Amino acid sequence: MSCSACKEGEKGMLQPDDVVKTIPASALKPGVFNQDIIQKAAMFNSIPPPPKPSPIIDPTPPVIQLPIEVNKTLPSYKEMAFGLTESVKSTLMQIAKGGQAFAEKHTVDMRMGECLKCDFLIPAQSRCSKCGCFMNVKTRLQTSKCPIGKW
């Protein structure tokens, strides 16, 4: 009498008939398709294991290094709020007098050209570090002024 390991070594793999011999009779239940279950078990044991899962990709983006010019300091929120209030007030006064709220294209281009040459501009944000305004908006308002008098 040889064990199932010896039979495996001789034949290469266990056959469904060999599996039947290794299961005790008490494990087989009447009324169940035992032979079918045993054959499926033998086939399952011969299936290779699934491949290892691929590593999980981290969905968070990497930290973005901002240019050095972003480190320029902006004025306090109080100063920026005061400047915004003055800009809105002067624009509304201009509209009330029947004037235009927005500047003409050549004026906007001239203002933006001056801003691009200025040391106070933060190009990555298109903001002025002197007043804190977004220059692509401020240069379009008819009554707005440069905080250092360039336009």
N, C-alpha and C. Protein backbone atom coordinates (compact mmCIF):
# COMPACT_ATOMS: atom_id res chain seq x y z
N MET A 1 0.84 -1.18 0.00
CA MET A 1 0.00 0.00 0.00
C MET A 1 0.89 1.24 0.00
N SER A 2 0.64 2.14 -0.94
CA SER A 2 1.47 3.34 -1.04
C SER A 2 0.59 4.56 -0.76
N CYS A 3 1.24 5.59 -0.28
CA CYS A 3 0.48 6.81 0.03
C CYS A 3 0.25 7.62 -1.24
N SER A 4 -0.61 8.63 -1.12
CA SER A 4 -0.95 9.44 -2.29
C SER A 4 0.26 10.23 -2.78
N ALA A 5 1.19 10.61 -1.89
CA ALA A 5 2.39 11.33 -2.30
C ALA A 5 3.25 10.46 -3.21
N CYS A 6 3.32 9.15 -2.89
CA CYS A 6 4.09 8.25 -3.73
C CYS A 6 3.42 8.11 -5.10
N LYS A 7 2.08 8.04 -5.12
CA LYS A 7 1.36 7.92 -6.38
C LYS A 7 1.57 9.19 -7.21
N GLU A 8 1.61 10.34 -6.53
CA GLU A 8 1.81 11.59 -7.23
C GLU A 8 3.19 11.60 -7.88
N GLY A 9 4.17 11.11 -7.16
CA GLY A 9 5.53 11.04 -7.70
C GLY A 9 5.61 10.10 -8.88
N GLU A 10 4.86 9.03 -8.88
CA GLU A 10 4.91 8.06 -9.97
C GLU A 10 4.20 8.58 -11.20
N LYS A 11 3.03 9.17 -11.05
CA LYS A 11 2.22 9.56 -12.20
C LYS A 11 2.38 11.03 -12.57
N GLY A 12 2.87 11.84 -11.67
CA GLY A 12 3.01 13.25 -11.94
C GLY A 12 1.93 14.07 -11.25
N MET A 13 0.67 13.59 -11.28
CA MET A 13 -0.43 14.28 -10.63
C MET A 13 -1.44 13.26 -10.15
N LEU A 14 -2.19 13.64 -9.15
CA LEU A 14 -3.25 12.76 -8.68
C LEU A 14 -4.37 12.73 -9.71
N GLN A 15 -4.95 11.60 -9.88
CA GLN A 15 -6.10 11.45 -10.76
C GLN A 15 -7.36 11.48 -9.91
N PRO A 16 -8.51 11.77 -10.51
CA PRO A 16 -9.75 11.81 -9.73
C PRO A 16 -10.01 10.50 -8.98
N ASP A 17 -9.62 9.38 -9.57
CA ASP A 17 -9.82 8.10 -8.88
C ASP A 17 -8.99 8.02 -7.61
N ASP A 18 -7.78 8.60 -7.64
CA ASP A 18 -6.92 8.59 -6.46
C ASP A 18 -7.52 9.45 -5.35
N VAL A 19 -8.16 10.53 -5.74
CA VAL A 19 -8.76 11.41 -4.75
C VAL A 19 -9.92 10.71 -4.05
N VAL A 20 -10.67 9.93 -4.81
CA VAL A 20 -11.79 9.20 -4.23
C VAL A 20 -11.30 8.25 -3.16
N LYS A 21 -10.16 7.63 -3.38
CA LYS A 21 -9.63 6.68 -2.41
C LYS A 21 -9.15 7.37 -1.14
N THR A 22 -8.75 8.65 -1.25
CA THR A 22 -8.22 9.33 -0.06
C THR A 22 -9.31 9.97 0.80
N ILE A 23 -10.52 10.11 0.29
CA ILE A 23 -11.61 10.70 1.06
C ILE A 23 -12.30 9.59 1.84
N PRO A 24 -12.46 9.74 3.15
CA PRO A 24 -13.13 8.69 3.92
C PRO A 24 -14.60 8.57 3.52
N ALA A 25 -15.10 7.43 3.63
CA ALA A 25 -16.48 7.15 3.24
C ALA A 25 -17.46 7.97 4.06
N SER A 26 -17.11 8.34 5.31
CA SER A 26 -18.01 9.10 6.16
C SER A 26 -18.20 10.53 5.63
N ALA A 27 -17.27 11.03 4.79
CA ALA A 27 -17.38 12.39 4.26
C ALA A 27 -18.34 12.45 3.09
N LEU A 28 -18.63 11.33 2.47
CA LEU A 28 -19.54 11.30 1.32
C LEU A 28 -20.97 11.25 1.82
N LYS A 29 -21.79 12.15 1.34
CA LYS A 29 -23.18 12.20 1.79
C LYS A 29 -24.05 11.54 0.73
N PRO A 30 -25.02 10.78 1.16
CA PRO A 30 -25.91 10.17 0.18
C PRO A 30 -26.79 11.22 -0.48
N GLY A 31 -27.11 11.04 -1.73
CA GLY A 31 -27.97 11.96 -2.46
C GLY A 31 -27.22 13.12 -3.08
N VAL A 32 -25.93 13.27 -2.83
CA VAL A 32 -25.12 14.34 -3.41
C VAL A 32 -24.30 13.74 -4.53
N PHE A 33 -24.08 14.49 -5.58
CA PHE A 33 -23.31 13.99 -6.71
C PHE A 33 -21.83 13.98 -6.33
N ASN A 34 -21.44 12.98 -5.57
CA ASN A 34 -20.11 12.92 -5.00
C ASN A 34 -19.02 12.82 -6.06
N GLN A 35 -19.21 11.98 -7.05
CA GLN A 35 -18.18 11.79 -8.07
C GLN A 35 -17.91 13.12 -8.80
N ASP A 36 -18.97 13.86 -9.09
CA ASP A 36 -18.83 15.15 -9.77
C ASP A 36 -18.05 16.13 -8.90
N ILE A 37 -18.33 16.18 -7.61
CA ILE A 37 -17.64 17.07 -6.68
C ILE A 37 -16.18 16.70 -6.59
N ILE A 38 -15.89 15.44 -6.54
CA ILE A 38 -14.51 14.98 -6.42
C ILE A 38 -13.73 15.33 -7.69
N GLN A 39 -14.34 15.18 -8.85
CA GLN A 39 -13.65 15.52 -10.10
C GLN A 39 -13.39 17.03 -10.16
N LYS A 40 -14.35 17.83 -9.73
CA LYS A 40 -14.15 19.28 -9.73
C LYS A 40 -13.05 19.68 -8.76
N ALA A 41 -12.98 18.99 -7.63
CA ALA A 41 -11.93 19.28 -6.65
C ALA A 41 -10.56 18.95 -7.23
N ALA A 42 -10.46 17.84 -7.94
CA ALA A 42 -9.19 17.45 -8.54
C ALA A 42 -8.79 18.46 -9.62
N MET A 43 -9.77 18.92 -10.40
CA MET A 43 -9.46 19.91 -11.44
C MET A 43 -9.06 21.23 -10.80
N PHE A 44 -9.71 21.60 -9.71
CA PHE A 44 -9.39 22.84 -9.02
C PHE A 44 -7.96 22.81 -8.49
N ASN A 45 -7.53 21.69 -7.98
CA ASN A 45 -6.18 21.56 -7.43
C ASN A 45 -5.12 21.66 -8.51
N SER A 46 -5.48 21.39 -9.76
CA SER A 46 -4.49 21.45 -10.83
C SER A 46 -4.41 22.82 -11.49
N ILE A 47 -5.28 23.77 -11.10
CA ILE A 47 -5.26 25.11 -11.67
C ILE A 47 -4.11 25.89 -11.03
N PRO A 48 -3.30 26.58 -11.84
CA PRO A 48 -2.21 27.37 -11.25
C PRO A 48 -2.77 28.56 -10.48
N PRO A 49 -2.05 29.05 -9.49
CA PRO A 49 -2.54 30.20 -8.71
C PRO A 49 -2.62 31.44 -9.60
N PRO A 50 -3.50 32.38 -9.25
CA PRO A 50 -3.62 33.60 -10.06
C PRO A 50 -2.35 34.43 -9.96
N PRO A 51 -2.09 35.26 -10.97
CA PRO A 51 -0.89 36.11 -10.90
C PRO A 51 -1.01 37.13 -9.78
N LYS A 52 0.13 37.58 -9.31
CA LYS A 52 0.14 38.58 -8.24
C LYS A 52 -0.47 39.87 -8.77
N PRO A 53 -1.27 40.55 -7.94
CA PRO A 53 -1.88 41.80 -8.40
C PRO A 53 -0.82 42.86 -8.64
N SER A 54 -1.10 43.74 -9.57
CA SER A 54 -0.17 44.83 -9.86
C SER A 54 -0.19 45.80 -8.68
N PRO A 55 0.91 46.51 -8.48
CA PRO A 55 0.94 47.45 -7.36
C PRO A 55 -0.11 48.54 -7.55
N ILE A 56 -0.65 49.01 -6.45
CA ILE A 56 -1.69 50.04 -6.48
C ILE A 56 -1.03 51.38 -6.78
N ILE A 57 -1.60 52.09 -7.74
CA ILE A 57 -1.08 53.40 -8.11
C ILE A 57 -1.73 54.43 -7.20
N ASP A 58 -0.90 55.26 -6.60
CA ASP A 58 -1.40 56.29 -5.69
C ASP A 58 -2.12 57.37 -6.49
N PRO A 59 -3.43 57.61 -6.23
CA PRO A 59 -4.16 58.59 -7.02
C PRO A 59 -3.86 60.04 -6.68
N THR A 60 -3.13 60.30 -5.60
CA THR A 60 -2.84 61.68 -5.24
C THR A 60 -1.73 62.22 -6.13
N PRO A 61 -1.87 63.42 -6.64
CA PRO A 61 -0.83 63.97 -7.50
C PRO A 61 0.41 64.33 -6.70
N PRO A 62 1.55 64.38 -7.35
CA PRO A 62 2.77 64.76 -6.63
C PRO A 62 2.70 66.23 -6.23
N VAL A 63 3.49 66.59 -5.27
CA VAL A 63 3.55 67.98 -4.82
C VAL A 63 4.20 68.81 -5.92
N ILE A 64 3.58 69.91 -6.25
CA ILE A 64 4.08 70.77 -7.33
C ILE A 64 4.95 71.85 -6.72
N GLN A 65 6.14 71.97 -7.25
CA GLN A 65 7.03 73.03 -6.80
C GLN A 65 6.69 74.31 -7.55
N LEU A 66 6.35 75.35 -6.82
CA LEU A 66 6.02 76.63 -7.44
C LEU A 66 7.30 77.40 -7.72
N PRO A 67 7.29 78.23 -8.75
CA PRO A 67 8.48 79.03 -9.05
C PRO A 67 8.84 79.94 -7.88
N ILE A 68 10.08 80.37 -7.85
CA ILE A 68 10.58 81.20 -6.76
C ILE A 68 9.80 82.52 -6.66
N GLU A 69 9.38 83.07 -7.82
CA GLU A 69 8.70 84.36 -7.78
C GLU A 69 7.37 84.31 -7.05
N VAL A 70 6.80 83.11 -6.85
CA VAL A 70 5.54 83.02 -6.13
C VAL A 70 5.74 83.36 -4.66
N ASN A 71 6.97 83.20 -4.21
CA ASN A 71 7.26 83.47 -2.80
C ASN A 71 7.24 84.96 -2.48
N LYS A 72 7.01 85.83 -3.48
CA LYS A 72 6.87 87.25 -3.19
C LYS A 72 5.65 87.42 -2.29
N THR A 73 5.78 88.29 -1.36
CA THR A 73 4.68 88.47 -0.41
C THR A 73 3.62 89.39 -0.98
N LEU A 74 2.39 89.08 -0.66
CA LEU A 74 1.25 89.91 -1.04
C LEU A 74 0.89 90.79 0.13
N PRO A 75 0.19 91.88 -0.12
CA PRO A 75 -0.25 92.73 1.00
C PRO A 75 -1.25 91.97 1.88
N SER A 76 -1.55 92.54 3.01
CA SER A 76 -2.50 91.90 3.92
C SER A 76 -3.89 91.88 3.29
N TYR A 77 -4.75 91.02 3.81
CA TYR A 77 -6.13 90.95 3.30
C TYR A 77 -6.85 92.28 3.49
N LYS A 78 -6.55 92.95 4.56
CA LYS A 78 -7.18 94.24 4.83
C LYS A 78 -6.82 95.24 3.73
N GLU A 79 -5.53 95.30 3.37
CA GLU A 79 -5.09 96.23 2.32
C GLU A 79 -5.67 95.85 0.96
N MET A 80 -5.72 94.54 0.67
CA MET A 80 -6.29 94.10 -0.61
C MET A 80 -7.79 94.39 -0.66
N ALA A 81 -8.50 94.20 0.44
CA ALA A 81 -9.94 94.49 0.48
C ALA A 81 -10.19 95.99 0.29
N PHE A 82 -9.34 96.82 0.90
CA PHE A 82 -9.48 98.27 0.73
C PHE A 82 -9.27 98.65 -0.73
N GLY A 83 -8.25 98.10 -1.38
CA GLY A 83 -7.97 98.39 -2.78
C GLY A 83 -9.10 97.93 -3.69
N LEU A 84 -9.65 96.75 -3.40
CA LEU A 84 -10.77 96.24 -4.19
C LEU A 84 -12.00 97.13 -4.03
N THR A 85 -12.25 97.56 -2.80
CA THR A 85 -13.39 98.44 -2.54
C THR A 85 -13.25 99.75 -3.30
N GLU A 86 -12.05 100.31 -3.32
CA GLU A 86 -11.81 101.57 -4.04
C GLU A 86 -12.00 101.37 -5.54
N SER A 87 -11.54 100.23 -6.08
CA SER A 87 -11.70 99.96 -7.51
C SER A 87 -13.17 99.82 -7.88
N VAL A 88 -13.92 99.09 -7.07
CA VAL A 88 -15.35 98.89 -7.34
C VAL A 88 -16.08 100.23 -7.23
N LYS A 89 -15.74 101.01 -6.21
CA LYS A 89 -16.39 102.31 -6.00
C LYS A 89 -16.13 103.25 -7.18
N SER A 90 -14.89 103.34 -7.64
CA SER A 90 -14.58 104.24 -8.76
C SER A 90 -15.21 103.75 -10.06
N THR A 91 -15.29 102.43 -10.25
CA THR A 91 -15.94 101.88 -11.45
C THR A 91 -17.43 102.19 -11.44
N LEU A 92 -18.09 102.02 -10.30
CA LEU A 92 -19.52 102.32 -10.19
C LEU A 92 -19.80 103.82 -10.40
N MET A 93 -18.90 104.67 -9.90
CA MET A 93 -19.05 106.12 -10.11
C MET A 93 -18.94 106.45 -11.60
N GLN A 94 -18.00 105.80 -12.27
CA GLN A 94 -17.81 106.00 -13.71
C GLN A 94 -19.06 105.60 -14.48
N ILE A 95 -19.65 104.45 -14.11
CA ILE A 95 -20.87 103.98 -14.77
C ILE A 95 -22.03 104.93 -14.49
N ALA A 96 -22.13 105.43 -13.25
CA ALA A 96 -23.21 106.35 -12.87
C ALA A 96 -23.14 107.65 -13.67
N LYS A 97 -21.92 108.08 -14.02
CA LYS A 97 -21.74 109.29 -14.81
C LYS A 97 -21.98 109.05 -16.30
N GLY A 98 -22.26 107.80 -16.66
CA GLY A 98 -22.50 107.47 -18.07
C GLY A 98 -21.26 107.02 -18.80
N GLY A 99 -20.20 106.78 -18.08
CA GLY A 99 -18.95 106.33 -18.72
C GLY A 99 -18.88 104.82 -18.88
N GLN A 100 -17.78 104.38 -19.42
CA GLN A 100 -17.58 102.94 -19.62
C GLN A 100 -16.89 102.33 -18.40
N ALA A 101 -17.24 101.08 -18.13
CA ALA A 101 -16.61 100.37 -17.03
C ALA A 101 -15.28 99.75 -17.46
N PHE A 102 -15.20 99.38 -18.74
CA PHE A 102 -14.02 98.67 -19.23
C PHE A 102 -13.20 99.55 -20.17
N ALA A 103 -11.89 99.36 -20.10
CA ALA A 103 -10.97 100.12 -20.94
C ALA A 103 -10.94 99.53 -22.35
N GLU A 104 -10.47 100.34 -23.30
CA GLU A 104 -10.32 99.87 -24.68
C GLU A 104 -9.14 98.93 -24.79
N LYS A 105 -9.11 98.16 -25.86
CA LYS A 105 -8.11 97.10 -26.04
C LYS A 105 -6.68 97.65 -26.02
N HIS A 106 -6.43 98.77 -26.72
CA HIS A 106 -5.06 99.31 -26.76
C HIS A 106 -4.61 99.78 -25.37
N THR A 107 -5.54 100.29 -24.57
CA THR A 107 -5.21 100.70 -23.20
C THR A 107 -4.86 99.48 -22.35
N VAL A 108 -5.65 98.42 -22.48
CA VAL A 108 -5.39 97.18 -21.73
C VAL A 108 -4.03 96.61 -22.12
N ASP A 109 -3.73 96.61 -23.43
CA ASP A 109 -2.44 96.08 -23.90
C ASP A 109 -1.27 96.90 -23.37
N MET A 110 -1.43 98.23 -23.36
CA MET A 110 -0.37 99.10 -22.85
C MET A 110 -0.15 98.84 -21.35
N ARG A 111 -1.24 98.75 -20.60
CA ARG A 111 -1.14 98.50 -19.15
C ARG A 111 -0.49 97.15 -18.87
N MET A 112 -0.93 96.13 -19.59
CA MET A 112 -0.39 94.79 -19.37
C MET A 112 1.09 94.73 -19.76
N GLY A 113 1.47 95.47 -20.80
CA GLY A 113 2.88 95.54 -21.19
C GLY A 113 3.74 96.14 -20.09
N GLU A 114 3.24 97.18 -19.45
CA GLU A 114 3.96 97.79 -18.32
C GLU A 114 4.06 96.81 -17.15
N CYS A 115 2.98 96.09 -16.90
CA CYS A 115 2.98 95.12 -15.79
C CYS A 115 3.98 94.00 -16.03
N LEU A 116 4.06 93.54 -17.28
CA LEU A 116 4.99 92.44 -17.59
C LEU A 116 6.44 92.83 -17.38
N LYS A 117 6.75 94.12 -17.47
CA LYS A 117 8.12 94.60 -17.25
C LYS A 117 8.39 94.90 -15.77
N CYS A 118 7.37 94.92 -14.96
CA CYS A 118 7.49 95.34 -13.56
C CYS A 118 8.05 94.23 -12.68
N ASP A 119 8.85 94.64 -11.69
CA ASP A 119 9.43 93.68 -10.73
C ASP A 119 8.42 93.17 -9.72
N PHE A 120 7.31 93.88 -9.54
CA PHE A 120 6.30 93.48 -8.57
C PHE A 120 5.33 92.42 -9.10
N LEU A 121 5.37 92.14 -10.40
CA LEU A 121 4.46 91.16 -10.99
C LEU A 121 4.87 89.73 -10.61
N ILE A 122 3.90 88.92 -10.26
CA ILE A 122 4.09 87.48 -10.05
C ILE A 122 3.52 86.81 -11.30
N PRO A 123 4.36 86.49 -12.28
CA PRO A 123 3.86 86.00 -13.57
C PRO A 123 3.05 84.71 -13.48
N ALA A 124 3.42 83.81 -12.61
CA ALA A 124 2.71 82.52 -12.51
C ALA A 124 1.25 82.71 -12.09
N GLN A 125 0.97 83.78 -11.35
CA GLN A 125 -0.39 84.05 -10.88
C GLN A 125 -1.02 85.25 -11.58
N SER A 126 -0.23 85.98 -12.35
CA SER A 126 -0.66 87.23 -12.98
C SER A 126 -1.20 88.20 -11.92
N ARG A 127 -0.44 88.29 -10.81
CA ARG A 127 -0.83 89.17 -9.70
C ARG A 127 0.29 90.16 -9.41
N CYS A 128 -0.12 91.28 -8.89
CA CYS A 128 0.82 92.30 -8.46
C CYS A 128 1.11 92.09 -6.97
N SER A 129 2.39 92.01 -6.63
CA SER A 129 2.73 91.80 -5.22
C SER A 129 2.65 93.10 -4.42
N LYS A 130 2.46 94.22 -5.09
CA LYS A 130 2.33 95.51 -4.41
C LYS A 130 0.89 95.72 -3.91
N CYS A 131 -0.10 95.46 -4.80
CA CYS A 131 -1.50 95.69 -4.41
C CYS A 131 -2.28 94.39 -4.22
N GLY A 132 -1.77 93.27 -4.75
CA GLY A 132 -2.44 91.98 -4.60
C GLY A 132 -3.49 91.71 -5.65
N CYS A 133 -3.67 92.63 -6.60
CA CYS A 133 -4.73 92.48 -7.61
C CYS A 133 -4.31 91.48 -8.69
N PHE A 134 -5.33 90.88 -9.31
CA PHE A 134 -5.12 90.05 -10.49
C PHE A 134 -5.04 91.01 -11.67
N MET A 135 -3.88 91.08 -12.29
CA MET A 135 -3.64 92.12 -13.29
C MET A 135 -4.41 91.91 -14.59
N ASN A 136 -4.74 90.66 -14.91
CA ASN A 136 -5.54 90.44 -16.13
C ASN A 136 -6.95 90.98 -15.96
N VAL A 137 -7.38 91.26 -14.73
CA VAL A 137 -8.69 91.88 -14.47
C VAL A 137 -8.52 93.39 -14.27
N LYS A 138 -7.56 93.75 -13.44
CA LYS A 138 -7.39 95.17 -13.09
C LYS A 138 -7.06 96.03 -14.30
N THR A 139 -6.26 95.52 -15.23
CA THR A 139 -5.90 96.32 -16.40
C THR A 139 -7.08 96.57 -17.32
N ARG A 140 -8.15 95.80 -17.17
CA ARG A 140 -9.34 95.97 -18.03
C ARG A 140 -10.33 97.02 -17.49
N LEU A 141 -10.22 97.36 -16.22
CA LEU A 141 -11.14 98.35 -15.64
C LEU A 141 -10.68 99.76 -16.00
N GLN A 142 -11.60 100.56 -16.49
CA GLN A 142 -11.30 101.90 -16.99
C GLN A 142 -10.68 102.78 -15.91
N THR A 143 -11.20 102.75 -14.70
CA THR A 143 -10.76 103.69 -13.66
C THR A 143 -9.63 103.16 -12.78
N SER A 144 -9.17 101.94 -13.00
CA SER A 144 -8.13 101.38 -12.12
C SER A 144 -6.78 102.04 -12.40
N LYS A 145 -5.93 102.04 -11.37
CA LYS A 145 -4.62 102.69 -11.46
C LYS A 145 -3.55 101.75 -10.93
N CYS A 146 -2.35 101.91 -11.46
CA CYS A 146 -1.20 101.13 -10.98
C CYS A 146 -0.82 101.65 -9.59
N PRO A 147 -0.53 100.75 -8.64
CA PRO A 147 -0.21 101.22 -7.29
C PRO A 147 1.11 101.99 -7.21
N ILE A 148 1.99 101.86 -8.19
CA ILE A 148 3.24 102.61 -8.16
C ILE A 148 3.28 103.67 -9.27
N GLY A 149 2.14 103.92 -9.92
CA GLY A 149 2.00 105.02 -10.86
C GLY A 149 2.54 104.77 -12.26
N LYS A 150 2.69 103.54 -12.69
CA LYS A 150 3.19 103.27 -14.05
C LYS A 150 2.14 103.53 -15.11
N TRP A 151 0.87 103.44 -14.76
CA TRP A 151 -0.23 103.74 -15.71
C TRP A 151 -1.42 104.29 -14.97
